[in-house]
PDB file of N, CA and C in Angstrom:
ATOM      1  N   UNK A   1       0.824  -1.190   0.000  1.00  0.00           N
ATOM      2  CA  UNK A   1       0.000   0.000   0.000  1.00  0.00           C
ATOM      3  C   UNK A   1       0.868   1.253   0.000  1.00  0.00           C
ATOM      4  N   UNK A   2       0.398   2.278  -0.663  1.00  0.00           N
ATOM      5  CA  UNK A   2       1.144   3.526  -0.718  1.00  0.00           C
ATOM      6  C   UNK A   2       0.952   4.312   0.568  1.00  0.00           C
ATOM      7  N   UNK A   3       2.046   4.832   1.080  1.00  0.00           N
ATOM      8  CA  UNK A   3       1.971   5.641   2.297  1.00  0.00           C
ATOM      9  C   UNK A   3       1.548   7.059   1.946  1.00  0.00           C
ATOM     10  N   UNK A   4       1.019   7.754   2.937  1.00  0.00           N
ATOM     11  CA  UNK A   4       0.629   9.152   2.719  1.00  0.00           C
ATOM     12  C   UNK A   4       1.897   9.989   2.578  1.00  0.00           C
ATOM     13  N   UNK A   5       2.109  10.546   1.420  1.00  0.00           N
ATOM     14  CA  UNK A   5       3.249  11.429   1.203  1.00  0.00           C
ATOM     15  C   UNK A   5       2.730  12.771   0.713  1.00  0.00           C
ATOM     16  N   UNK A   6       3.617  13.677   0.490  1.00  0.00           N
ATOM     17  CA  UNK A   6       3.213  14.999   0.017  1.00  0.00           C
ATOM     18  C   UNK A   6       2.718  14.960  -1.421  1.00  0.00           C
ATOM     19  N   UNK A   7       3.056  13.905  -2.156  1.00  0.00           N
ATOM     20  CA  UNK A   7       2.647  13.829  -3.553  1.00  0.00           C
ATOM     21  C   UNK A   7       1.212  13.347  -3.707  1.00  0.00           C
ATOM     22  N   UNK A   8       0.684  12.563  -2.745  1.00  0.00           N
ATOM     23  CA  UNK A   8      -0.705  12.099  -2.860  1.00  0.00           C
ATOM     24  C   UNK A   8      -1.648  13.240  -2.542  1.00  0.00           C
ATOM     25  N   UNK A   9      -2.709  13.310  -3.308  1.00  0.00           N
ATOM     26  CA  UNK A   9      -3.648  14.411  -3.184  1.00  0.00           C
ATOM     27  C   UNK A   9      -4.736  14.057  -2.173  1.00  0.00           C
ATOM     28  N   UNK A  10      -4.906  14.865  -1.113  1.00  0.00           N
ATOM     29  CA  UNK A  10      -5.992  14.591  -0.165  1.00  0.00           C
ATOM     30  C   UNK A  10      -7.349  14.932  -0.779  1.00  0.00           C
ATOM     31  N   UNK A  11      -8.402  14.434  -0.165  1.00  0.00           N
ATOM     32  CA  UNK A  11      -9.745  14.700  -0.655  1.00  0.00           C
ATOM     33  C   UNK A  11     -10.126  16.139  -0.322  1.00  0.00           C
ATOM     34  N   UNK A  12     -10.239  16.973  -1.335  1.00  0.00           N
ATOM     35  CA  UNK A  12     -10.532  18.387  -1.115  1.00  0.00           C
ATOM     36  C   UNK A  12     -12.000  18.712  -1.324  1.00  0.00           C
ATOM     37  N   UNK A  13     -12.857  17.713  -1.438  1.00  0.00           N
ATOM     38  CA  UNK A  13     -14.268  17.978  -1.692  1.00  0.00           C
ATOM     39  C   UNK A  13     -14.965  18.460  -0.437  1.00  0.00           C
ATOM     40  N   UNK A  14     -15.753  19.508  -0.590  1.00  0.00           N
ATOM     41  CA  UNK A  14     -16.465  20.083   0.550  1.00  0.00           C
ATOM     42  C   UNK A  14     -17.603  19.169   0.992  1.00  0.00           C
ATOM     43  N   UNK A  15     -17.869  19.163   2.282  1.00  0.00           N
ATOM     44  CA  UNK A  15     -18.981  18.415   2.857  1.00  0.00           C
ATOM     45  C   UNK A  15     -19.848  19.400   3.621  1.00  0.00           C
ATOM     46  N   UNK A  16     -21.159  19.361   3.384  1.00  0.00           N
ATOM     47  CA  UNK A  16     -22.089  20.278   4.041  1.00  0.00           C
ATOM     48  C   UNK A  16     -23.245  19.484   4.637  1.00  0.00           C
ATOM     49  N   UNK A  17     -23.893  20.076   5.637  1.00  0.00           N
ATOM     50  CA  UNK A  17     -25.118  19.509   6.208  1.00  0.00           C
ATOM     51  C   UNK A  17     -26.232  20.511   5.989  1.00  0.00           C
ATOM     52  N   UNK A  18     -27.455  19.995   5.817  1.00  0.00           N
ATOM     53  CA  UNK A  18     -28.567  20.903   5.614  1.00  0.00           C
ATOM     54  C   UNK A  18     -29.901  20.192   5.655  1.00  0.00           C
ATOM     55  N   UNK A  19     -30.952  20.980   5.426  1.00  0.00           N
ATOM     56  CA  UNK A  19     -32.324  20.489   5.434  1.00  0.00           C
ATOM     57  C   UNK A  19     -32.865  20.445   4.014  1.00  0.00           C
ATOM     58  N   UNK A  20     -33.566  19.368   3.678  1.00  0.00           N
ATOM     59  CA  UNK A  20     -34.188  19.260   2.360  1.00  0.00           C
ATOM     60  C   UNK A  20     -35.401  20.184   2.324  1.00  0.00           C
ATOM     61  N   UNK A  21     -35.426  21.101   1.344  1.00  0.00           N
ATOM     62  CA  UNK A  21     -36.540  22.047   1.231  1.00  0.00           C
ATOM     63  C   UNK A  21     -37.428  21.738   0.034  1.00  0.00           C
ATOM     64  N   UNK A  22     -36.944  20.907  -0.909  1.00  0.00           N
ATOM     65  CA  UNK A  22     -37.755  20.555  -2.065  1.00  0.00           C
ATOM     66  C   UNK A  22     -37.279  19.225  -2.631  1.00  0.00           C
ATOM     67  N   UNK A  23     -38.248  18.390  -3.057  1.00  0.00           N
ATOM     68  CA  UNK A  23     -37.904  17.142  -3.739  1.00  0.00           C
ATOM     69  C   UNK A  23     -38.815  16.932  -4.946  1.00  0.00           C
ATOM     70  N   UNK A  24     -39.251  18.013  -5.558  1.00  0.00           N
ATOM     71  CA  UNK A  24     -40.210  17.933  -6.655  1.00  0.00           C
ATOM     72  C   UNK A  24     -39.592  17.406  -7.949  1.00  0.00           C
ATOM     73  N   UNK A  25     -38.279  17.531  -8.114  1.00  0.00           N
ATOM     74  CA  UNK A  25     -37.624  17.091  -9.337  1.00  0.00           C
ATOM     75  C   UNK A  25     -37.273  15.606  -9.262  1.00  0.00           C
ATOM     76  N   UNK A  26     -37.033  14.999 -10.422  1.00  0.00           N
ATOM     77  CA  UNK A  26     -36.664  13.595 -10.481  1.00  0.00           C
ATOM     78  C   UNK A  26     -35.168  13.439 -10.221  1.00  0.00           C
ATOM     79  N   UNK A  27     -34.806  12.640  -9.215  1.00  0.00           N
ATOM     80  CA  UNK A  27     -33.420  12.361  -8.831  1.00  0.00           C
ATOM     81  C   UNK A  27     -32.661  13.601  -8.378  1.00  0.00           C
ATOM     82  N   UNK A  28     -33.378  14.638  -7.970  1.00  0.00           N
ATOM     83  CA  UNK A  28     -32.751  15.860  -7.491  1.00  0.00           C
ATOM     84  C   UNK A  28     -33.526  16.393  -6.304  1.00  0.00           C
ATOM     85  N   UNK A  29     -32.794  16.878  -5.310  1.00  0.00           N
ATOM     86  CA  UNK A  29     -33.411  17.527  -4.154  1.00  0.00           C
ATOM     87  C   UNK A  29     -32.693  18.844  -3.927  1.00  0.00           C
ATOM     88  N   UNK A  30     -33.389  19.790  -3.305  1.00  0.00           N
ATOM     89  CA  UNK A  30     -32.791  21.074  -2.961  1.00  0.00           C
ATOM     90  C   UNK A  30     -32.570  21.078  -1.458  1.00  0.00           C
ATOM     91  N   UNK A  31     -31.323  21.324  -1.061  1.00  0.00           N
ATOM     92  CA  UNK A  31     -30.953  21.318   0.354  1.00  0.00           C
ATOM     93  C   UNK A  31     -30.527  22.725   0.742  1.00  0.00           C
ATOM     94  N   UNK A  32     -31.110  23.239   1.845  1.00  0.00           N
ATOM     95  CA  UNK A  32     -30.739  24.556   2.368  1.00  0.00           C
ATOM     96  C   UNK A  32     -29.645  24.360   3.409  1.00  0.00           C
ATOM     97  N   UNK A  33     -28.475  24.916   3.134  1.00  0.00           N
ATOM     98  CA  UNK A  33     -27.345  24.827   4.040  1.00  0.00           C
ATOM     99  C   UNK A  33     -27.155  26.188   4.699  1.00  0.00           C
ATOM    100  N   UNK A  34     -27.122  26.213   6.025  1.00  0.00           N
ATOM    101  CA  UNK A  34     -27.019  27.474   6.766  1.00  0.00           C
ATOM    102  C   UNK A  34     -25.596  27.633   7.283  1.00  0.00           C
ATOM    103  N   UNK A  35     -24.970  28.768   6.946  1.00  0.00           N
ATOM    104  CA  UNK A  35     -23.647  29.109   7.471  1.00  0.00           C
ATOM    105  C   UNK A  35     -23.799  30.290   8.414  1.00  0.00           C
ATOM    106  N   UNK A  36     -23.161  30.209   9.565  1.00  0.00           N
ATOM    107  CA  UNK A  36     -23.182  31.312  10.520  1.00  0.00           C
ATOM    108  C   UNK A  36     -21.844  32.016  10.452  1.00  0.00           C
ATOM    109  N   UNK A  37     -21.851  33.291  10.096  1.00  0.00           N
ATOM    110  CA  UNK A  37     -20.625  34.073   9.982  1.00  0.00           C
ATOM    111  C   UNK A  37     -20.771  35.346  10.812  1.00  0.00           C
ATOM    112  N   UNK A  38     -19.639  35.861  11.268  1.00  0.00           N
ATOM    113  CA  UNK A  38     -19.662  37.111  12.026  1.00  0.00           C
ATOM    114  C   UNK A  38     -19.579  38.284  11.065  1.00  0.00           C
ATOM    115  N   UNK A  39     -20.424  39.291  11.301  1.00  0.00           N
ATOM    116  CA  UNK A  39     -20.392  40.490  10.487  1.00  0.00           C
ATOM    117  C   UNK A  39     -19.074  41.220  10.746  1.00  0.00           C
ATOM    118  N   UNK A  40     -18.432  41.678   9.683  1.00  0.00           N
ATOM    119  CA  UNK A  40     -17.094  42.257   9.835  1.00  0.00           C
ATOM    120  C   UNK A  40     -17.089  43.549  10.651  1.00  0.00           C
ATOM    121  N   UNK A  41     -18.095  44.375  10.446  1.00  0.00           N
ATOM    122  CA  UNK A  41     -18.110  45.645  11.171  1.00  0.00           C
ATOM    123  C   UNK A  41     -18.784  45.531  12.525  1.00  0.00           C
ATOM    124  N   UNK A  42     -19.953  44.885  12.572  1.00  0.00           N
ATOM    125  CA  UNK A  42     -20.762  44.895  13.789  1.00  0.00           C
ATOM    126  C   UNK A  42     -20.545  43.678  14.670  1.00  0.00           C
ATOM    127  N   UNK A  43     -19.778  42.709  14.225  1.00  0.00           N
ATOM    128  CA  UNK A  43     -19.433  41.516  15.004  1.00  0.00           C
ATOM    129  C   UNK A  43     -20.657  40.727  15.452  1.00  0.00           C
ATOM    130  N   UNK A  44     -21.774  40.910  14.774  1.00  0.00           N
ATOM    131  CA  UNK A  44     -22.979  40.145  15.073  1.00  0.00           C
ATOM    132  C   UNK A  44     -22.987  38.891  14.209  1.00  0.00           C
ATOM    133  N   UNK A  45     -23.482  37.801  14.753  1.00  0.00           N
ATOM    134  CA  UNK A  45     -23.572  36.566  13.989  1.00  0.00           C
ATOM    135  C   UNK A  45     -24.735  36.651  13.011  1.00  0.00           C
ATOM    136  N   UNK A  46     -24.452  36.372  11.742  1.00  0.00           N
ATOM    137  CA  UNK A  46     -25.452  36.464  10.680  1.00  0.00           C
ATOM    138  C   UNK A  46     -25.590  35.087  10.040  1.00  0.00           C
ATOM    139  N   UNK A  47     -26.830  34.688   9.741  1.00  0.00           N
ATOM    140  CA  UNK A  47     -27.067  33.409   9.063  1.00  0.00           C
ATOM    141  C   UNK A  47     -27.152  33.641   7.560  1.00  0.00           C
ATOM    142  N   UNK A  48     -26.396  32.842   6.813  1.00  0.00           N
ATOM    143  CA  UNK A  48     -26.466  32.893   5.354  1.00  0.00           C
ATOM    144  C   UNK A  48     -26.923  31.526   4.867  1.00  0.00           C
ATOM    145  N   UNK A  49     -27.987  31.503   4.077  1.00  0.00           N
ATOM    146  CA  UNK A  49     -28.544  30.253   3.578  1.00  0.00           C
ATOM    147  C   UNK A  49     -28.163  30.070   2.113  1.00  0.00           C
ATOM    148  N   UNK A  50     -27.666  28.885   1.789  1.00  0.00           N
ATOM    149  CA  UNK A  50     -27.307  28.533   0.422  1.00  0.00           C
ATOM    150  C   UNK A  50     -28.159  27.353  -0.010  1.00  0.00           C
ATOM    151  N   UNK A  51     -28.734  27.447  -1.195  1.00  0.00           N
ATOM    152  CA  UNK A  51     -29.545  26.344  -1.729  1.00  0.00           C
ATOM    153  C   UNK A  51     -28.658  25.489  -2.623  1.00  0.00           C
ATOM    154  N   UNK A  52     -28.488  24.221  -2.247  1.00  0.00           N
ATOM    155  CA  UNK A  52     -27.643  23.292  -2.990  1.00  0.00           C
ATOM    156  C   UNK A  52     -28.518  22.287  -3.725  1.00  0.00           C
ATOM    157  N   UNK A  53     -28.236  22.072  -5.008  1.00  0.00           N
ATOM    158  CA  UNK A  53     -28.957  21.067  -5.781  1.00  0.00           C
ATOM    159  C   UNK A  53     -28.192  19.751  -5.642  1.00  0.00           C
ATOM    160  N   UNK A  54     -28.872  18.727  -5.110  1.00  0.00           N
ATOM    161  CA  UNK A  54     -28.223  17.482  -4.711  1.00  0.00           C
ATOM    162  C   UNK A  54     -28.749  16.331  -5.554  1.00  0.00           C
ATOM    163  N   UNK A  55     -27.826  15.465  -5.997  1.00  0.00           N
ATOM    164  CA  UNK A  55     -28.214  14.273  -6.759  1.00  0.00           C
ATOM    165  C   UNK A  55     -28.711  13.205  -5.791  1.00  0.00           C
ATOM    166  N   UNK A  56     -29.960  12.767  -5.995  1.00  0.00           N
ATOM    167  CA  UNK A  56     -30.607  11.755  -5.149  1.00  0.00           C
ATOM    168  C   UNK A  56     -31.032  10.611  -6.057  1.00  0.00           C
ATOM    169  N   UNK A  57     -30.143   9.648  -6.258  1.00  0.00           N
ATOM    170  CA  UNK A  57     -30.332   8.597  -7.258  1.00  0.00           C
ATOM    171  C   UNK A  57     -31.630   7.820  -7.087  1.00  0.00           C
ATOM    172  N   UNK A  58     -32.005   7.493  -5.837  1.00  0.00           N
ATOM    173  CA  UNK A  58     -33.166   6.641  -5.589  1.00  0.00           C
ATOM    174  C   UNK A  58     -34.417   7.410  -5.174  1.00  0.00           C
ATOM    175  N   UNK A  59     -34.408   8.705  -5.289  1.00  0.00           N
ATOM    176  CA  UNK A  59     -35.546   9.544  -4.870  1.00  0.00           C
ATOM    177  C   UNK A  59     -36.001   9.210  -3.451  1.00  0.00           C
ATOM    178  N   UNK A  60     -35.038   9.072  -2.535  1.00  0.00           N
ATOM    179  CA  UNK A  60     -35.361   8.664  -1.176  1.00  0.00           C
ATOM    180  C   UNK A  60     -35.484   9.824  -0.200  1.00  0.00           C
ATOM    181  N   UNK A  61     -35.203  11.048  -0.628  1.00  0.00           N
ATOM    182  CA  UNK A  61     -35.269  12.194   0.281  1.00  0.00           C
ATOM    183  C   UNK A  61     -36.674  12.773   0.331  1.00  0.00           C
ATOM    184  N   UNK A  62     -37.062  13.222   1.526  1.00  0.00           N
ATOM    185  CA  UNK A  62     -38.335  13.901   1.734  1.00  0.00           C
ATOM    186  C   UNK A  62     -38.068  15.276   2.320  1.00  0.00           C
ATOM    187  N   UNK A  63     -39.016  16.184   2.136  1.00  0.00           N
ATOM    188  CA  UNK A  63     -38.872  17.530   2.680  1.00  0.00           C
ATOM    189  C   UNK A  63     -38.775  17.439   4.197  1.00  0.00           C
ATOM    190  N   UNK A  64     -37.772  18.098   4.763  1.00  0.00           N
ATOM    191  CA  UNK A  64     -37.579  18.102   6.208  1.00  0.00           C
ATOM    192  C   UNK A  64     -36.464  17.191   6.682  1.00  0.00           C
ATOM    193  N   UNK A  65     -35.930  16.337   5.800  1.00  0.00           N
ATOM    194  CA  UNK A  65     -34.831  15.454   6.190  1.00  0.00           C
ATOM    195  C   UNK A  65     -33.556  16.265   6.404  1.00  0.00           C
ATOM    196  N   UNK A  66     -32.766  15.859   7.423  1.00  0.00           N
ATOM    197  CA  UNK A  66     -31.423  16.432   7.603  1.00  0.00           C
ATOM    198  C   UNK A  66     -30.443  15.516   6.887  1.00  0.00           C
ATOM    199  N   UNK A  67     -29.609  16.082   6.020  1.00  0.00           N
ATOM    200  CA  UNK A  67     -28.715  15.267   5.199  1.00  0.00           C
ATOM    201  C   UNK A  67     -27.300  15.824   5.210  1.00  0.00           C
ATOM    202  N   UNK A  68     -26.345  14.954   4.834  1.00  0.00           N
ATOM    203  CA  UNK A  68     -24.962  15.358   4.613  1.00  0.00           C
ATOM    204  C   UNK A  68     -24.692  15.175   3.131  1.00  0.00           C
ATOM    205  N   UNK A  69     -24.148  16.205   2.487  1.00  0.00           N
ATOM    206  CA  UNK A  69     -23.878  16.158   1.053  1.00  0.00           C
ATOM    207  C   UNK A  69     -22.406  16.476   0.800  1.00  0.00           C
ATOM    208  N   UNK A  70     -21.915  16.011  -0.357  1.00  0.00           N
ATOM    209  CA  UNK A  70     -20.516  16.215  -0.719  1.00  0.00           C
ATOM    210  C   UNK A  70     -20.429  16.790  -2.126  1.00  0.00           C
ATOM    211  N   UNK A  71     -19.474  17.669  -2.309  1.00  0.00           N
ATOM    212  CA  UNK A  71     -19.240  18.283  -3.607  1.00  0.00           C
ATOM    213  C   UNK A  71     -18.796  17.218  -4.609  1.00  0.00           C
ATOM    214  N   UNK A  72     -19.209  17.377  -5.864  1.00  0.00           N
ATOM    215  CA  UNK A  72     -18.824  16.424  -6.897  1.00  0.00           C
ATOM    216  C   UNK A  72     -18.706  17.163  -8.239  1.00  0.00           C
ATOM    217  N   UNK A  73     -18.400  16.419  -9.277  1.00  0.00           N
ATOM    218  CA  UNK A  73     -18.290  17.042 -10.600  1.00  0.00           C
ATOM    219  C   UNK A  73     -19.670  17.548 -11.032  1.00  0.00           C
ATOM    220  N   UNK A  74     -19.733  18.477 -11.969  1.00  0.00           N
ATOM    221  CA  UNK A  74     -21.036  18.958 -12.427  1.00  0.00           C
ATOM    222  C   UNK A  74     -21.861  17.827 -13.041  1.00  0.00           C
ATOM    223  N   UNK A  75     -23.078  17.628 -12.510  1.00  0.00           N
ATOM    224  CA  UNK A  75     -23.962  16.594 -13.014  1.00  0.00           C
ATOM    225  C   UNK A  75     -25.023  17.162 -13.945  1.00  0.00           C
ATOM    226  N   UNK A  76     -25.290  18.453 -13.839  1.00  0.00           N
ATOM    227  CA  UNK A  76     -26.216  19.146 -14.735  1.00  0.00           C
ATOM    228  C   UNK A  76     -25.887  20.630 -14.645  1.00  0.00           C
ATOM    229  N   UNK A  77     -26.763  21.465 -15.155  1.00  0.00           N
ATOM    230  CA  UNK A  77     -26.511  22.901 -15.159  1.00  0.00           C
ATOM    231  C   UNK A  77     -26.281  23.451 -13.748  1.00  0.00           C
ATOM    232  N   UNK A  78     -27.093  23.026 -12.781  1.00  0.00           N
ATOM    233  CA  UNK A  78     -26.994  23.550 -11.422  1.00  0.00           C
ATOM    234  C   UNK A  78     -26.519  22.531 -10.393  1.00  0.00           C
ATOM    235  N   UNK A  79     -26.542  21.257 -10.737  1.00  0.00           N
ATOM    236  CA  UNK A  79     -26.308  20.209  -9.749  1.00  0.00           C
ATOM    237  C   UNK A  79     -24.830  19.877  -9.625  1.00  0.00           C
ATOM    238  N   UNK A  80     -24.264  20.157  -8.415  1.00  0.00           N
ATOM    239  CA  UNK A  80     -22.855  19.900  -8.162  1.00  0.00           C
ATOM    240  C   UNK A  80     -22.607  19.183  -6.842  1.00  0.00           C
ATOM    241  N   UNK A  81     -23.654  18.622  -6.254  1.00  0.00           N
ATOM    242  CA  UNK A  81     -23.531  17.952  -4.961  1.00  0.00           C
ATOM    243  C   UNK A  81     -24.171  16.581  -5.039  1.00  0.00           C
ATOM    244  N   UNK A  82     -23.710  15.637  -4.207  1.00  0.00           N
ATOM    245  CA  UNK A  82     -24.303  14.311  -4.146  1.00  0.00           C
ATOM    246  C   UNK A  82     -24.580  13.951  -2.691  1.00  0.00           C
ATOM    247  N   UNK A  83     -25.557  13.101  -2.515  1.00  0.00           N
ATOM    248  CA  UNK A  83     -25.984  12.686  -1.184  1.00  0.00           C
ATOM    249  C   UNK A  83     -24.967  11.720  -0.587  1.00  0.00           C
ATOM    250  N   UNK A  84     -24.521  12.000   0.648  1.00  0.00           N
ATOM    251  CA  UNK A  84     -23.618  11.099   1.353  1.00  0.00           C
ATOM    252  C   UNK A  84     -24.412  10.228   2.309  1.00  0.00           C
ATOM    253  N   UNK A  85     -25.221  10.870   3.168  1.00  0.00           N
ATOM    254  CA  UNK A  85     -26.032  10.106   4.112  1.00  0.00           C
ATOM    255  C   UNK A  85     -27.196  10.939   4.604  1.00  0.00           C
ATOM    256  N   UNK A  86     -28.213  10.233   5.071  1.00  0.00           N
ATOM    257  CA  UNK A  86     -29.366  10.878   5.683  1.00  0.00           C
ATOM    258  C   UNK A  86     -29.160  10.835   7.178  1.00  0.00           C
ATOM    259  N   UNK A  87     -29.027  12.004   7.802  1.00  0.00           N
ATOM    260  CA  UNK A  87     -28.752  12.062   9.228  1.00  0.00           C
ATOM    261  C   UNK A  87     -29.990  11.863  10.074  1.00  0.00           C
ATOM    262  N   UNK A  88     -31.111  12.456   9.617  1.00  0.00           N
ATOM    263  CA  UNK A  88     -32.348  12.380  10.394  1.00  0.00           C
ATOM    264  C   UNK A  88     -33.536  12.501   9.448  1.00  0.00           C
ATOM    265  N   UNK A  89     -34.488  11.608   9.611  1.00  0.00           N
ATOM    266  CA  UNK A  89     -35.700  11.649   8.786  1.00  0.00           C
ATOM    267  C   UNK A  89     -36.662  12.698   9.309  1.00  0.00           C
ATOM    268  N   UNK A  90     -37.483  13.244   8.419  1.00  0.00           N
ATOM    269  CA  UNK A  90     -38.507  14.221   8.813  1.00  0.00           C
ATOM    270  C   UNK A  90     -39.549  13.527   9.678  1.00  0.00           C
ATOM    271  N   UNK A  91     -40.063  14.257  10.636  1.00  0.00           N
ATOM    272  CA  UNK A  91     -41.068  13.686  11.539  1.00  0.00           C
ATOM    273  C   UNK A  91     -42.459  13.902  11.005  1.00  0.00           C
TER     274      UNK A  91
END
């Protein structure tokens, strides 16, 4: 087996967690990912929401599910994320 050296490339793909807000498309879900950042001037914590288009091969996601997604190659015009795991099902 090859040892970890400086020449081997680590996995640089981003991983995000979020809530499924839409599953109306075929094999695609929209996940809202919330980032909390501090405002530069006022030092107040601000929430920024990003809508990620996620590839859901088996159409198993429902609105309200908490999921973990990973960045991947472009799968369509807007879709650049794939489903890693479902953390919590909607109640």
